[in-house]
Amino acid sequence: MTLEEFGFTAWFRDQVGSDNTGLAVARVTAVHKGECEVSDGEETRTAKTTGRLRHQAKSKLDYPTVGDWVLVKDFDHEDFGSIQTVLKRQTELKRKTAGRTIRYQLVAANIDIAFIMQTLDTGYNLQRLERYLVMVNESDIEPIILLSKSDLLSKTELESKVAEIHERMPDARVFAFSNTDHTGLEEVMALFQPGKTYCIVGSSGVGKTTLLNNLIGEEEYLFTLPVRDKDGKGLHSTTWRELITLDNGALVIDTPGMRELGNINVTDGIHETFDDIAALAPQCRFNDCSHIDTLGCAVAEAVARGEIAKARYNNFVRLMQEIAAQEHSALEKRSKDKDFGHFYKSRQNGNRNES
């Protein structure tokens, strides 16, 4: 497989200058503790990031992640190679980590299309689906919705679910399939094109790993775990990210199930996901309209007329309120950090004066 077939486009080629002679171009296919597996499309080696690269990183977001293109020294050596540079990413998928502290975790980089999987059993949740759409749209990645376990519904019930999604998300591309009886699976498999990089995101238990097993054609290649009947949630059968090459040359990044989807600072993603609401906003009487019990709100009026689904509007409001709360929390934390910095500096100056 050539670098181009492995996803190396002109975007990345233009970043490799003549001063990088002697460094191999490779792609990160897996990340383990302190180590990366990197591949040039033919050979896979183990490499570590240099101390200089770690020192220059502003946060862990600057560390190599699965899907990254990197420049590696000593790629052909038997010992570890060393990652000298991470090329600028074309796209990056990230989420807020679990907990109150606002931090981000990179899910994967340089993705062309993100498949958002939602199960059609007890785990079906439109609000969660919209949250995934916001995250993907914010990353400027094309989203496609996959509905698994279609064998559990009748044809009429399935059509009703798809119509429900289109009512809330009019522009969404939706494909239903079953990992059990393989209904619709051939259509889903045709979506994976050679040379393109895909990721599959969704909560645990939706069938991501089973779908990959079907795509790869090896049932035992990736380990799967059962799903709880009570709530449709599964255990984390995938606990790391890995870039997999399918037989047809499509590149797929498998991702762990996500416990939390923080959406702080995702204004672009919200406007893309709720584009009908964003289009009406300029018609509101006030420029800073919150779209919540505000006089002359064009959005609220559209909801009252039935032009925008009430449930869709409620989820939009919920997400906007969540973002506002998280931004307030982040601002409060920065203020406390600043106050502590002033306190620490004054103590240091006081100690110097005493001496």
Protein backbone atom coordinates (compact mmCIF):
# COMPACT_ATOMS: atom_id res chain seq x y z
CA MET A 1 0.00 0.00 0.00
CA THR A 2 1.41 3.41 -0.98
CA LEU A 3 1.30 6.44 1.29
CA GLU A 4 -1.41 7.93 -0.93
CA GLU A 5 -3.53 4.78 -0.60
CA PHE A 6 -2.95 5.05 3.15
CA GLY A 7 -4.55 8.50 3.20
CA PHE A 8 -1.52 10.73 2.57
CA THR A 9 -2.98 13.62 0.56
CA ALA A 10 -1.51 16.87 -0.77
CA TRP A 11 -2.60 18.54 2.50
CA PHE A 12 0.06 16.56 4.37
CA ARG A 13 2.63 16.34 1.55
CA ASP A 14 2.89 20.14 1.41
CA GLN A 15 3.94 20.17 5.08
CA VAL A 16 7.00 17.98 4.49
CA GLY A 17 9.86 20.33 3.62
CA SER A 18 13.35 19.66 2.26
CA ASP A 19 14.80 20.16 5.74
CA ASN A 20 13.15 16.91 6.83
CA THR A 21 15.51 14.72 4.80
CA GLY A 22 16.19 11.42 6.52
CA LEU A 23 12.85 11.33 8.31
CA ALA A 24 10.23 8.78 7.29
CA VAL A 25 6.61 9.74 6.73
CA ALA A 26 4.32 7.42 8.69
CA ARG A 27 0.82 7.25 10.12
CA VAL A 28 -0.07 6.49 13.73
CA THR A 29 -2.14 3.29 13.78
CA ALA A 30 -2.32 2.73 17.56
CA VAL A 31 -1.28 4.47 20.78
CA HIS A 32 -0.23 2.65 23.93
CA LYS A 33 1.34 3.97 27.13
CA GLY A 34 4.16 6.21 25.94
CA GLU A 35 4.46 4.40 22.62
CA CYS A 36 2.89 4.55 19.17
CA GLU A 37 2.60 2.06 16.39
CA VAL A 38 3.37 3.84 13.11
CA SER A 39 3.12 2.57 9.55
CA ASP A 40 4.25 3.72 6.11
CA GLY A 41 1.60 1.54 4.48
CA GLU A 42 3.95 -1.43 4.17
CA GLU A 43 5.74 -1.85 7.51
CA THR A 44 4.57 -1.14 11.05
CA ARG A 45 7.10 -0.05 13.69
CA THR A 46 7.06 1.11 17.30
CA ALA A 47 8.04 4.71 17.94
CA LYS A 48 8.23 7.10 20.88
CA THR A 49 7.78 10.86 20.96
CA THR A 50 10.92 12.91 21.56
CA GLY A 51 11.41 14.90 24.74
CA ARG A 52 11.48 18.07 22.64
CA LEU A 53 8.07 17.29 21.15
CA ARG A 54 6.58 16.61 24.59
CA HIS A 55 8.16 19.80 25.98
CA GLN A 56 6.73 21.92 23.16
CA ALA A 57 3.24 20.44 23.53
CA LYS A 58 0.80 22.93 25.06
CA SER A 59 -1.48 20.08 26.17
CA LYS A 60 -2.05 16.39 25.55
CA LEU A 61 -4.02 17.43 22.47
CA ASP A 62 -0.64 18.06 20.81
CA TYR A 63 0.55 14.50 21.42
CA PRO A 64 0.26 11.99 18.56
CA THR A 65 -3.07 10.23 18.27
CA VAL A 66 -4.48 7.52 16.02
CA GLY A 67 -4.81 8.82 12.45
CA ASP A 68 -2.02 11.38 12.77
CA TRP A 69 0.69 11.73 10.15
CA VAL A 70 4.15 12.02 11.70
CA LEU A 71 7.80 12.31 10.73
CA VAL A 72 9.88 9.53 12.25
CA LYS A 73 13.62 9.22 12.74
CA ASP A 74 15.15 5.70 12.63
CA PHE A 75 11.96 4.18 11.24
CA ASP A 76 13.91 1.22 9.78
CA HIS A 77 15.90 0.47 12.94
CA GLU A 78 15.14 -2.60 15.00
CA ASP A 79 14.87 -0.48 18.15
CA PHE A 80 12.30 2.25 18.73
CA GLY A 81 11.97 5.01 16.17
CA SER A 82 11.43 8.55 17.41
CA ILE A 83 8.55 10.80 16.37
CA GLN A 84 10.05 14.19 15.57
CA THR A 85 7.00 16.04 14.25
CA VAL A 86 3.23 15.69 14.15
CA LEU A 87 1.93 17.15 10.88
CA LYS A 88 -0.92 19.62 11.11
CA ARG A 89 -4.24 17.80 11.27
CA GLN A 90 -6.92 18.24 8.65
CA THR A 91 -9.63 17.24 11.15
CA GLU A 92 -9.62 16.14 14.77
CA LEU A 93 -12.39 14.49 16.73
CA LYS A 94 -12.29 15.30 20.43
CA ARG A 95 -14.57 15.13 23.42
CA LYS A 96 -14.73 16.45 26.96
CA THR A 97 -13.38 13.91 29.43
CA ALA A 98 -15.58 12.58 32.20
CA GLY A 99 -15.81 14.67 35.36
CA ARG A 100 -16.27 18.31 36.31
CA THR A 101 -12.82 19.47 35.24
CA ILE A 102 -12.94 20.78 31.67
CA ARG A 103 -10.38 18.80 29.73
CA TYR A 104 -10.40 17.32 26.28
CA GLN A 105 -9.41 13.95 24.92
CA LEU A 106 -8.54 13.41 21.29
CA VAL A 107 -10.56 10.55 19.86
CA ALA A 108 -8.81 10.40 16.48
CA ALA A 109 -7.37 12.64 13.76
CA ASN A 110 -7.63 13.15 10.00
CA ILE A 111 -11.03 11.51 9.59
CA ASP A 112 -13.08 11.96 6.41
CA ILE A 113 -16.40 10.48 7.58
CA ALA A 114 -17.71 9.62 11.04
CA PHE A 115 -20.32 6.89 11.35
CA ILE A 116 -22.54 7.58 14.35
CA MET A 117 -24.07 4.31 15.50
CA GLN A 118 -27.33 4.15 17.39
CA THR A 119 -29.06 0.93 18.36
CA LEU A 120 -32.75 0.34 17.71
CA ASP A 121 -33.34 -1.53 20.97
CA THR A 122 -33.63 -0.01 24.46
CA GLY A 123 -30.50 2.09 23.87
CA TYR A 124 -32.20 4.20 21.19
CA ASN A 125 -31.92 7.87 22.21
CA LEU A 126 -32.46 10.83 19.87
CA GLN A 127 -30.98 13.37 22.28
CA ARG A 128 -27.74 11.41 22.49
CA LEU A 129 -27.70 11.11 18.71
CA GLU A 130 -27.95 14.88 18.35
CA ARG A 131 -25.07 15.32 20.80
CA TYR A 132 -22.88 13.07 18.67
CA LEU A 133 -23.88 15.07 15.59
CA VAL A 134 -22.84 18.31 17.30
CA MET A 135 -19.44 16.81 18.18
CA VAL A 136 -18.85 15.52 14.63
CA ASN A 137 -20.06 18.69 12.91
CA GLU A 138 -17.85 20.81 15.14
CA SER A 139 -14.88 18.81 13.86
CA ASP A 140 -15.89 19.53 10.25
CA ILE A 141 -16.25 15.80 9.60
CA GLU A 142 -19.07 14.42 7.46
CA PRO A 143 -21.53 12.45 9.65
CA ILE A 144 -23.52 9.38 8.61
CA ILE A 145 -26.01 7.74 11.00
CA LEU A 146 -26.06 3.96 11.27
CA LEU A 147 -28.99 2.26 13.01
CA SER A 148 -28.05 -1.20 14.23
CA LYS A 149 -30.29 -4.13 15.29
CA SER A 150 -32.90 -3.40 12.63
CA ASP A 151 -33.98 -7.05 12.87
CA LEU A 152 -35.74 -6.18 16.14
CA LEU A 153 -38.30 -3.98 14.37
CA SER A 154 -40.96 -4.56 11.74
CA LYS A 155 -40.68 -2.70 8.45
CA THR A 156 -43.33 -0.20 9.59
CA GLU A 157 -41.61 0.39 12.94
CA LEU A 158 -38.25 0.89 11.22
CA GLU A 159 -39.69 3.39 8.76
CA SER A 160 -41.23 5.27 11.70
CA LYS A 161 -37.85 5.49 13.48
CA VAL A 162 -36.07 6.76 10.36
CA ALA A 163 -38.84 9.33 9.80
CA GLU A 164 -38.48 10.44 13.43
CA ILE A 165 -34.77 11.04 12.92
CA HIS A 166 -35.35 12.96 9.69
CA GLU A 167 -37.92 15.13 11.45
CA ARG A 168 -35.34 16.11 14.08
CA MET A 169 -32.34 16.07 11.70
CA PRO A 170 -33.64 16.81 8.19
CA ASP A 171 -30.29 16.61 6.37
CA ALA A 172 -29.00 13.45 8.06
CA ARG A 173 -28.00 10.42 5.99
CA VAL A 174 -29.44 7.36 7.74
CA PHE A 175 -28.79 3.66 7.08
CA ALA A 176 -30.38 0.82 9.06
CA PHE A 177 -28.85 -2.65 9.24
CA SER A 178 -28.54 -5.79 11.31
CA ASN A 179 -25.36 -7.53 12.44
CA THR A 180 -27.49 -10.60 13.18
CA ASP A 181 -29.33 -11.37 9.94
CA HIS A 182 -27.13 -9.02 7.84
CA THR A 183 -30.11 -7.06 6.48
CA GLY A 184 -28.82 -3.79 5.01
CA LEU A 185 -25.23 -4.77 5.81
CA GLU A 186 -24.16 -4.84 2.16
CA GLU A 187 -25.38 -1.25 1.72
CA VAL A 188 -23.43 -0.15 4.79
CA MET A 189 -20.27 -1.92 3.63
CA ALA A 190 -20.49 -0.06 0.29
CA LEU A 191 -20.12 3.23 2.18
CA PHE A 192 -16.48 2.40 3.00
CA GLN A 193 -14.35 3.62 0.09
CA PRO A 194 -10.62 2.94 -0.57
CA GLY A 195 -8.17 5.57 0.64
CA LYS A 196 -10.74 7.29 2.88
CA THR A 197 -10.47 7.34 6.67
CA TYR A 198 -13.53 6.56 8.75
CA CYS A 199 -14.32 6.29 12.44
CA ILE A 200 -17.26 4.61 14.13
CA VAL A 201 -18.53 6.34 17.27
CA GLY A 202 -21.35 5.48 19.62
CA SER A 203 -22.13 4.27 23.10
CA SER A 204 -21.06 0.84 24.29
CA GLY A 205 -23.31 -1.96 23.14
CA VAL A 206 -24.50 -0.46 19.83
CA GLY A 207 -22.56 -3.04 17.80
CA LYS A 208 -19.49 -1.15 16.56
CA THR A 209 -17.07 -4.02 17.12
CA THR A 210 -19.45 -6.58 15.61
CA LEU A 211 -19.84 -4.38 12.54
CA LEU A 212 -16.06 -4.22 12.18
CA ASN A 213 -15.84 -7.99 12.53
CA ASN A 214 -18.37 -8.28 9.68
CA LEU A 215 -16.44 -5.76 7.58
CA ILE A 216 -13.16 -7.56 8.18
CA GLY A 217 -14.73 -10.97 7.70
CA GLU A 218 -13.10 -12.45 10.79
CA GLU A 219 -15.60 -13.06 13.58
CA GLU A 220 -13.00 -13.46 16.32
CA TYR A 221 -10.70 -10.61 15.21
CA LEU A 222 -12.14 -8.13 17.69
CA PHE A 223 -13.47 -9.23 21.07
CA THR A 224 -17.12 -8.44 21.82
CA LEU A 225 -19.05 -8.39 25.07
CA PRO A 226 -22.78 -8.82 25.80
CA VAL A 227 -25.29 -6.02 26.35
CA ARG A 228 -27.49 -5.58 29.43
CA ASP A 229 -31.16 -6.19 28.63
CA LYS A 230 -32.28 -3.62 31.20
CA ASP A 231 -30.88 -0.49 29.55
CA GLY A 232 -29.25 -1.67 26.34
CA LYS A 233 -25.81 -0.61 27.54
CA GLY A 234 -22.73 -2.70 26.97
CA LEU A 235 -19.34 -3.12 28.54
CA HIS A 236 -16.32 -1.56 26.83
CA SER A 237 -15.08 -4.28 24.49
CA THR A 238 -12.86 -1.66 22.83
CA THR A 239 -10.66 0.21 25.30
CA TRP A 240 -8.13 1.64 22.85
CA ARG A 241 -8.16 3.21 19.40
CA GLU A 242 -6.72 1.42 16.40
CA LEU A 243 -6.49 2.12 12.67
CA ILE A 244 -7.61 -0.90 10.66
CA THR A 245 -7.25 -1.39 6.90
CA LEU A 246 -10.11 -3.23 5.22
CA ASP A 247 -9.58 -5.55 2.26
CA ASN A 248 -10.89 -2.92 -0.15
CA GLY A 249 -8.40 -0.30 1.11
CA ALA A 250 -10.78 1.69 3.33
CA LEU A 251 -9.23 2.85 6.62
CA VAL A 252 -11.29 2.55 9.81
CA ILE A 253 -10.50 3.85 13.29
CA ASP A 254 -12.28 1.86 15.98
CA THR A 255 -13.08 3.90 19.08
CA PRO A 256 -14.13 3.08 22.64
CA GLY A 257 -17.70 3.66 23.74
CA MET A 258 -18.03 7.15 25.19
CA ARG A 259 -19.28 7.68 28.72
CA GLU A 260 -19.62 11.46 28.34
CA LEU A 261 -19.95 13.86 25.44
CA GLY A 262 -19.06 17.35 26.63
CA ASN A 263 -20.00 20.04 24.11
CA ILE A 264 -18.26 23.15 25.45
CA ASN A 265 -17.19 25.65 22.78
CA VAL A 266 -18.95 23.87 19.95
CA THR A 267 -20.88 26.84 18.55
CA ASP A 268 -20.11 25.89 14.95
CA GLY A 269 -21.17 22.30 15.57
CA ILE A 270 -24.47 23.35 17.13
CA HIS A 271 -25.24 25.76 14.30
CA GLU A 272 -24.45 23.02 11.76
CA THR A 273 -26.55 20.41 13.55
CA PHE A 274 -29.45 22.79 14.24
CA ASP A 275 -29.12 24.74 10.99
CA ASP A 276 -32.88 25.37 10.75
CA ILE A 277 -32.80 27.15 14.11
CA ALA A 278 -29.62 29.05 13.19
CA ALA A 279 -31.28 30.24 9.96
CA LEU A 280 -34.23 31.73 11.89
CA ALA A 281 -32.14 33.41 14.61
CA PRO A 282 -31.37 36.59 12.57
CA GLN A 283 -35.13 37.22 12.36
CA CYS A 284 -35.45 37.57 16.14
CA ARG A 285 -36.28 41.04 17.46
CA PHE A 286 -33.15 41.19 19.60
CA ASN A 287 -29.63 40.34 18.38
CA ASP A 288 -28.74 38.59 21.64
CA CYS A 289 -31.96 36.56 21.77
CA SER A 290 -31.62 33.47 23.95
CA HIS A 291 -34.58 31.79 22.18
CA ILE A 292 -36.07 31.04 25.61
CA ASP A 293 -39.20 32.99 26.61
CA THR A 294 -37.97 36.06 24.73
CA LEU A 295 -40.33 38.60 23.16
CA GLY A 296 -40.17 38.56 19.37
CA CYS A 297 -38.21 35.30 19.14
CA ALA A 298 -38.56 33.91 15.60
CA VAL A 299 -37.43 30.47 16.74
CA ALA A 300 -40.09 30.17 19.46
CA GLU A 301 -42.71 31.34 16.98
CA ALA A 302 -41.63 28.66 14.49
CA VAL A 303 -41.94 26.03 17.23
CA ALA A 304 -45.44 27.29 18.07
CA ARG A 305 -46.43 27.01 14.39
CA GLY A 306 -45.10 23.45 14.25
CA GLU A 307 -42.32 24.30 11.77
CA ILE A 308 -39.68 23.11 14.22
CA ALA A 309 -40.26 19.99 16.31
CA LYS A 310 -40.74 20.76 20.00
CA ALA A 311 -38.40 17.93 21.03
CA ARG A 312 -35.67 19.20 18.68
CA TYR A 313 -36.03 22.73 20.07
CA ASN A 314 -35.89 21.44 23.66
CA ASN A 315 -32.66 19.57 22.98
CA PHE A 316 -31.16 22.68 21.35
CA VAL A 317 -32.02 24.73 24.44
CA ARG A 318 -30.65 22.02 26.73
CA LEU A 319 -27.32 21.93 24.88
CA MET A 320 -27.00 25.72 24.81
CA GLN A 321 -27.68 25.91 28.56
CA GLU A 322 -25.09 23.18 29.17
CA ILE A 323 -22.49 25.08 27.15
CA ALA A 324 -23.25 28.30 29.04
CA ALA A 325 -22.84 26.50 32.37
CA GLN A 326 -19.55 24.91 31.32
CA GLU A 327 -18.20 28.22 30.00
CA HIS A 328 -19.12 29.85 33.33
CA SER A 329 -17.33 27.03 35.16
CA ALA A 330 -14.24 27.46 32.96
CA LEU A 331 -14.24 31.24 33.53
CA GLU A 332 -14.57 30.73 37.28
CA LYS A 333 -11.67 28.26 37.26
CA ARG A 334 -9.44 30.68 35.30
CA SER A 335 -10.29 33.43 37.80
CA LYS A 336 -9.35 31.18 40.74
CA ASP A 337 -6.11 30.15 39.03
CA LYS A 338 -5.28 33.81 38.43
CA ASP A 339 -5.98 34.71 42.08
CA PHE A 340 -3.80 31.84 43.25
CA GLY A 341 -1.04 33.01 40.92
CA HIS A 342 -1.16 36.50 42.43
CA PHE A 343 -1.15 35.02 45.94
CA TYR A 344 1.83 32.76 45.16
CA LYS A 345 3.77 35.64 43.60
CA SER A 346 3.12 37.92 46.58
CA ARG A 347 4.33 35.20 48.99
CA GLN A 348 7.49 34.73 46.92
CA ASN A 349 8.16 38.49 46.95
CA GLY A 350 7.53 38.58 50.69
CA ASN A 351 10.05 35.78 51.31
CA ARG A 352 12.66 37.61 49.24
CA ASN A 353 12.13 40.84 51.20
CA GLU A 354 12.53 38.99 54.51
CA SER A 355 15.81 37.50 53.37
